[in-house]
N, C-alpha and C. Protein backbone atom coordinates (compact mmCIF):
# COMPACT_ATOMS: atom_id res chain seq x y z
N UNK A 1 0.91 -0.94 -0.05
CA UNK A 1 -0.13 -0.11 -0.18
C UNK A 1 0.65 1.23 0.10
N UNK A 2 1.99 1.25 0.61
CA UNK A 2 2.77 2.17 0.33
C UNK A 2 3.30 2.52 -0.56
N UNK A 3 3.71 1.87 -1.57
CA UNK A 3 4.46 1.88 -2.86
C UNK A 3 2.99 2.37 -3.49
N UNK A 4 2.36 2.05 -3.74
CA UNK A 4 1.39 2.09 -4.80
C UNK A 4 0.25 3.06 -4.57
N UNK A 5 -0.07 3.24 -2.90
CA UNK A 5 -1.17 4.36 -2.81
C UNK A 5 -0.66 5.35 -1.58
N UNK A 6 0.70 5.28 -0.95
CA UNK A 6 1.40 6.32 -0.22
C UNK A 6 0.93 6.30 1.12
N UNK A 7 0.00 5.19 1.45
CA UNK A 7 -0.92 5.07 2.89
C UNK A 7 0.11 3.51 3.40
N UNK A 8 0.81 4.40 4.54
CA UNK A 8 1.98 3.25 5.55
C UNK A 8 0.74 2.11 6.28
N UNK A 9 1.31 1.67 6.97
CA UNK A 9 0.62 1.09 7.93
C UNK A 9 0.19 1.78 8.92
N UNK A 10 0.83 2.67 9.39
CA UNK A 10 0.42 3.25 10.61
C UNK A 10 -0.85 4.29 10.26
N UNK A 11 -0.72 4.90 8.93
CA UNK A 11 -1.69 5.68 8.32
C UNK A 11 -3.06 4.63 8.09
N UNK A 12 -2.65 3.48 7.53
CA UNK A 12 -4.03 2.66 7.42
C UNK A 12 -4.59 2.61 8.75
N UNK A 13 -3.65 2.28 9.97
CA UNK A 13 -4.67 2.00 11.26
C UNK A 13 -5.45 3.19 11.69
N UNK A 14 -4.73 4.51 11.22
CA UNK A 14 -5.59 5.46 11.67
C UNK A 14 -7.12 5.94 10.81
N UNK A 15 -6.91 5.19 9.37
CA UNK A 15 -8.05 4.94 8.54
C UNK A 15 -9.20 3.98 9.42
N UNK A 16 -8.69 2.92 9.89
CA UNK A 16 -9.59 1.82 10.49
C UNK A 16 -10.14 2.26 11.75
N UNK A 17 -9.53 3.28 12.51
CA UNK A 17 -10.23 3.95 13.76
C UNK A 17 -11.20 4.60 13.56
N UNK A 18 -10.89 5.42 12.22
CA UNK A 18 -11.93 6.27 12.05
C UNK A 18 -12.94 5.50 11.33
N UNK A 19 -12.96 4.66 10.62
CA UNK A 19 -13.84 3.75 10.27
C UNK A 19 -14.73 3.31 11.19
N UNK A 20 -14.40 2.85 12.30
CA UNK A 20 -14.63 2.13 13.43
C UNK A 20 -15.77 3.33 14.33
N UNK A 21 -14.91 4.33 14.41
CA UNK A 21 -15.59 5.70 15.24
C UNK A 21 -15.91 6.74 14.43
N UNK A 22 -17.12 6.81 13.78
CA UNK A 22 -17.54 7.99 13.07
C UNK A 22 -17.38 8.93 14.05
N UNK A 23 -17.44 10.29 13.28
CA UNK A 23 -17.13 11.34 13.82
C UNK A 23 -16.31 11.63 14.99
N UNK A 24 -14.91 10.79 15.05
CA UNK A 24 -14.28 10.79 16.11
C UNK A 24 -13.40 12.37 16.02
N UNK A 25 -12.67 12.51 17.29
CA UNK A 25 -11.63 13.48 17.29
C UNK A 25 -10.45 13.14 17.14
N UNK A 26 -9.41 13.69 16.86
CA UNK A 26 -7.86 13.48 17.07
C UNK A 26 -7.53 12.75 18.64
N UNK A 27 -8.22 13.28 19.50
CA UNK A 27 -8.06 12.98 20.96
C UNK A 27 -8.66 11.61 21.03
N UNK A 28 -9.61 11.17 20.27
CA UNK A 28 -10.26 10.04 20.12
C UNK A 28 -9.47 8.73 19.89
N UNK A 29 -8.96 9.53 18.68
CA UNK A 29 -8.33 8.44 17.80
C UNK A 29 -6.71 8.10 18.82
N UNK A 30 -6.50 9.31 19.33
CA UNK A 30 -5.27 9.08 20.07
C UNK A 30 -5.75 8.15 21.28
N UNK A 31 -6.68 8.30 22.02
CA UNK A 31 -7.29 7.01 22.83
C UNK A 31 -7.11 5.71 22.43
N UNK A 32 -7.63 5.43 21.05
CA UNK A 32 -7.38 3.95 20.66
C UNK A 32 -6.28 3.43 20.46
N UNK A 33 -5.45 4.46 19.77
CA UNK A 33 -4.16 4.02 19.20
C UNK A 33 -2.86 4.45 20.20
N UNK A 34 -2.85 5.13 21.06
CA UNK A 34 -2.04 5.38 22.22
C UNK A 34 -1.11 6.11 21.18
N UNK A 35 -1.01 6.94 20.40
CA UNK A 35 -0.18 7.73 19.76
C UNK A 35 -0.33 9.52 20.29
N UNK A 36 0.68 10.17 20.07
CA UNK A 36 0.58 11.63 20.15
C UNK A 36 -0.22 12.22 19.08
N UNK A 37 -1.03 13.60 19.59
CA UNK A 37 -1.60 14.19 18.88
C UNK A 37 -1.27 14.85 17.23
N UNK A 38 0.20 14.95 17.85
CA UNK A 38 0.54 15.36 16.63
C UNK A 38 1.00 14.70 15.39
N UNK A 39 1.45 13.48 16.04
CA UNK A 39 1.42 11.99 14.80
C UNK A 39 0.29 12.08 14.21
N UNK A 40 -1.03 11.88 14.76
CA UNK A 40 -2.36 11.10 14.83
C UNK A 40 -2.62 12.65 13.40
N UNK A 41 -2.68 13.73 13.61
CA UNK A 41 -2.97 15.09 12.68
C UNK A 41 -2.08 14.90 11.58
N UNK A 42 -0.60 14.47 11.83
CA UNK A 42 0.15 14.18 10.37
C UNK A 42 0.03 12.88 9.68
N UNK A 43 -0.83 12.01 10.33
CA UNK A 43 -1.29 10.39 9.77
C UNK A 43 -2.82 10.65 8.91
N UNK A 44 -3.53 11.55 9.45
CA UNK A 44 -4.77 11.96 8.80
C UNK A 44 -4.85 13.05 7.51
N UNK A 45 -3.71 13.87 7.52
CA UNK A 45 -3.58 14.48 6.44
C UNK A 45 -3.46 13.95 5.07
N UNK A 46 -2.77 12.91 4.72
CA UNK A 46 -2.80 12.31 3.42
C UNK A 46 -4.25 11.51 3.35
N UNK A 47 -4.71 10.94 4.41
CA UNK A 47 -6.25 10.55 4.27
C UNK A 47 -6.86 11.40 3.77
N UNK A 48 -7.00 12.44 4.38
CA UNK A 48 -7.98 13.71 4.00
C UNK A 48 -7.59 14.24 2.77
N UNK A 49 -6.25 14.24 2.01
CA UNK A 49 -6.06 14.72 0.95
C UNK A 49 -6.46 13.61 0.01
N UNK A 50 -6.39 12.34 0.12
CA UNK A 50 -6.75 11.33 -0.93
C UNK A 50 -8.04 11.37 -0.92
N UNK A 51 -9.17 11.68 0.15
CA UNK A 51 -10.29 11.69 0.43
C UNK A 51 -10.91 10.34 1.09
N UNK A 52 -9.99 9.56 1.66
CA UNK A 52 -10.30 8.47 2.44
C UNK A 52 -10.88 8.77 3.81
N UNK A 53 -10.98 10.11 4.08
CA UNK A 53 -11.35 10.67 5.13
C UNK A 53 -11.81 11.92 5.38
N UNK A 54 -12.83 12.52 5.36
CA UNK A 54 -13.49 13.78 5.54
C UNK A 54 -13.50 14.32 7.11
N UNK A 55 -13.07 15.71 7.33
CA UNK A 55 -13.23 16.20 8.09
C UNK A 55 -14.11 17.20 8.35
N UNK A 56 -14.95 17.55 9.54
CA UNK A 56 -16.03 18.43 9.70
C UNK A 56 -15.75 19.22 10.77
N UNK A 57 -15.65 20.48 10.43
CA UNK A 57 -15.15 21.81 11.89
C UNK A 57 -16.40 21.63 13.08
N UNK A 58 -16.03 21.78 13.87
CA UNK A 58 -16.88 21.97 15.08
C UNK A 58 -16.45 23.03 16.10
N UNK A 59 -17.30 24.27 16.05
CA UNK A 59 -16.98 25.20 16.97
C UNK A 59 -17.14 24.91 18.01
N UNK A 60 -15.88 25.17 19.14
CA UNK A 60 -15.98 24.72 20.73
C UNK A 60 -16.13 26.36 21.43
N UNK A 61 -16.37 26.19 22.44
CA UNK A 61 -16.90 27.31 23.57
C UNK A 61 -16.27 28.09 23.56
N UNK A 62 -14.50 28.04 23.59
CA UNK A 62 -13.99 29.33 23.69
C UNK A 62 -13.25 29.91 22.23
N UNK A 63 -14.37 29.71 21.06
CA UNK A 63 -14.30 30.28 19.58
C UNK A 63 -13.09 29.68 18.97
N UNK A 64 -12.70 28.37 19.39
CA UNK A 64 -11.62 27.97 18.57
C UNK A 64 -12.71 26.83 17.50
N UNK A 65 -11.75 26.06 16.63
CA UNK A 65 -12.44 24.91 15.91
C UNK A 65 -11.68 23.53 16.15
N UNK A 66 -12.50 22.49 16.34
CA UNK A 66 -11.92 21.27 16.40
C UNK A 66 -12.74 20.29 15.50
N UNK A 67 -12.01 19.60 14.89
CA UNK A 67 -12.40 18.38 13.95
C UNK A 67 -12.84 17.37 13.97
N UNK A 68 -13.87 16.87 13.77
CA UNK A 68 -14.32 15.38 13.71
C UNK A 68 -13.90 14.79 12.27
N UNK A 69 -13.66 13.36 12.14
CA UNK A 69 -13.50 12.73 11.29
C UNK A 69 -14.21 11.60 10.62
N UNK A 70 -14.74 11.35 9.48
CA UNK A 70 -15.49 10.05 9.07
C UNK A 70 -14.63 9.75 7.65
N UNK A 71 -14.37 8.20 7.66
CA UNK A 71 -13.83 7.64 6.70
C UNK A 71 -14.89 7.20 5.83
N UNK A 72 -14.19 7.44 4.54
CA UNK A 72 -15.05 6.56 3.62
C UNK A 72 -15.56 5.31 3.43
N UNK A 73 -16.97 4.98 2.93
CA UNK A 73 -17.11 3.49 3.69
C UNK A 73 -15.95 2.61 2.79
N UNK A 74 -15.80 1.16 3.46
CA UNK A 74 -14.76 0.52 3.54
C UNK A 74 -15.11 -0.09 1.57
N UNK A 75 -16.21 -0.11 1.16
CA UNK A 75 -16.51 -0.44 -0.39
C UNK A 75 -15.97 0.58 -1.16
N UNK A 76 -15.95 1.86 -0.97
CA UNK A 76 -15.39 2.95 -1.80
C UNK A 76 -13.95 2.93 -1.52
N UNK A 77 -13.57 2.90 -0.49
CA UNK A 77 -12.08 2.94 0.14
C UNK A 77 -11.39 1.55 -0.91
N UNK A 78 -11.69 0.83 -0.70
CA UNK A 78 -11.41 -0.83 -1.66
C UNK A 78 -11.53 -0.28 -2.93
N UNK A 79 -12.20 0.25 -3.24
CA UNK A 79 -12.43 0.75 -4.99
C UNK A 79 -11.49 1.73 -5.21
N UNK A 80 -10.99 2.66 -4.17
CA UNK A 80 -10.13 3.67 -4.65
C UNK A 80 -8.85 2.80 -4.57
N UNK A 81 -8.59 1.92 -3.81
CA UNK A 81 -7.45 1.09 -3.80
C UNK A 81 -7.30 0.47 -5.22
N UNK A 82 -8.60 -0.41 -5.47
CA UNK A 82 -8.24 -0.92 -6.97
C UNK A 82 -7.81 -0.25 -8.06
N UNK A 83 -8.17 1.14 -7.99
CA UNK A 83 -8.11 2.51 -9.23
C UNK A 83 -6.43 2.58 -8.91
N UNK A 84 -5.91 3.00 -7.65
CA UNK A 84 -4.66 3.12 -7.41
C UNK A 84 -3.80 2.12 -8.19
N UNK A 85 -4.27 0.62 -7.84
CA UNK A 85 -3.44 -0.21 -8.19
C UNK A 85 -3.60 -0.18 -9.87
N UNK A 86 -4.50 -0.16 -10.33
CA UNK A 86 -4.26 -0.17 -11.54
C UNK A 86 -3.81 0.66 -12.38
N UNK A 87 -3.67 1.97 -12.06
CA UNK A 87 -2.92 3.15 -12.54
C UNK A 87 -1.55 2.93 -12.26
N UNK A 88 -0.90 2.23 -11.23
CA UNK A 88 0.23 1.88 -11.02
C UNK A 88 0.89 0.82 -11.84
N UNK A 89 -0.33 -0.10 -11.77
CA UNK A 89 0.18 -1.34 -12.59
C UNK A 89 0.52 -0.72 -14.23
N UNK A 90 -0.27 0.10 -14.39
CA UNK A 90 -0.15 0.73 -16.15
C UNK A 90 0.97 1.49 -16.22
N UNK A 91 1.27 2.14 -15.18
CA UNK A 91 2.68 2.74 -15.30
C UNK A 91 3.90 2.32 -15.45
N UNK A 92 3.89 1.19 -14.51
CA UNK A 92 4.87 0.47 -14.75
C UNK A 92 5.13 -0.65 -15.71
N UNK A 93 4.23 -1.06 -16.33
CA UNK A 93 3.98 -1.92 -17.77
C UNK A 93 4.49 -0.80 -18.72
N UNK A 94 3.74 0.15 -18.60
CA UNK A 94 4.65 1.35 -19.86
C UNK A 94 5.97 1.41 -19.58
N UNK A 95 6.69 1.37 -18.51
CA UNK A 95 8.04 1.40 -18.33
C UNK A 95 8.52 0.50 -19.07
N UNK A 96 8.09 -0.68 -19.09
CA UNK A 96 8.94 -1.49 -20.10
C UNK A 96 8.78 -1.67 -21.59
N UNK A 97 7.71 -0.95 -22.08
CA UNK A 97 7.57 -0.92 -23.33
C UNK A 97 8.22 0.16 -24.11
């Protein structure tokens, strides 16, 4: 997955936690995985950029914003992986021709 999709095992674990805990916060993901908040944030960024995870802002009482995260349904994520694999395979095969 790292070579083809840019998603390493740690990021994939974050995806699975978000999938199992819709509308979770970074703190809630941290509780499950026992990782630092900044690490979770760094691992969520590429998942968000690749649209595997959607984030929703929530206003908090002190005027700040916290985000909640929702994972793309597993079937759609698997379809995305299949598309990435096909694109990668095409690139590799084109290099041989």
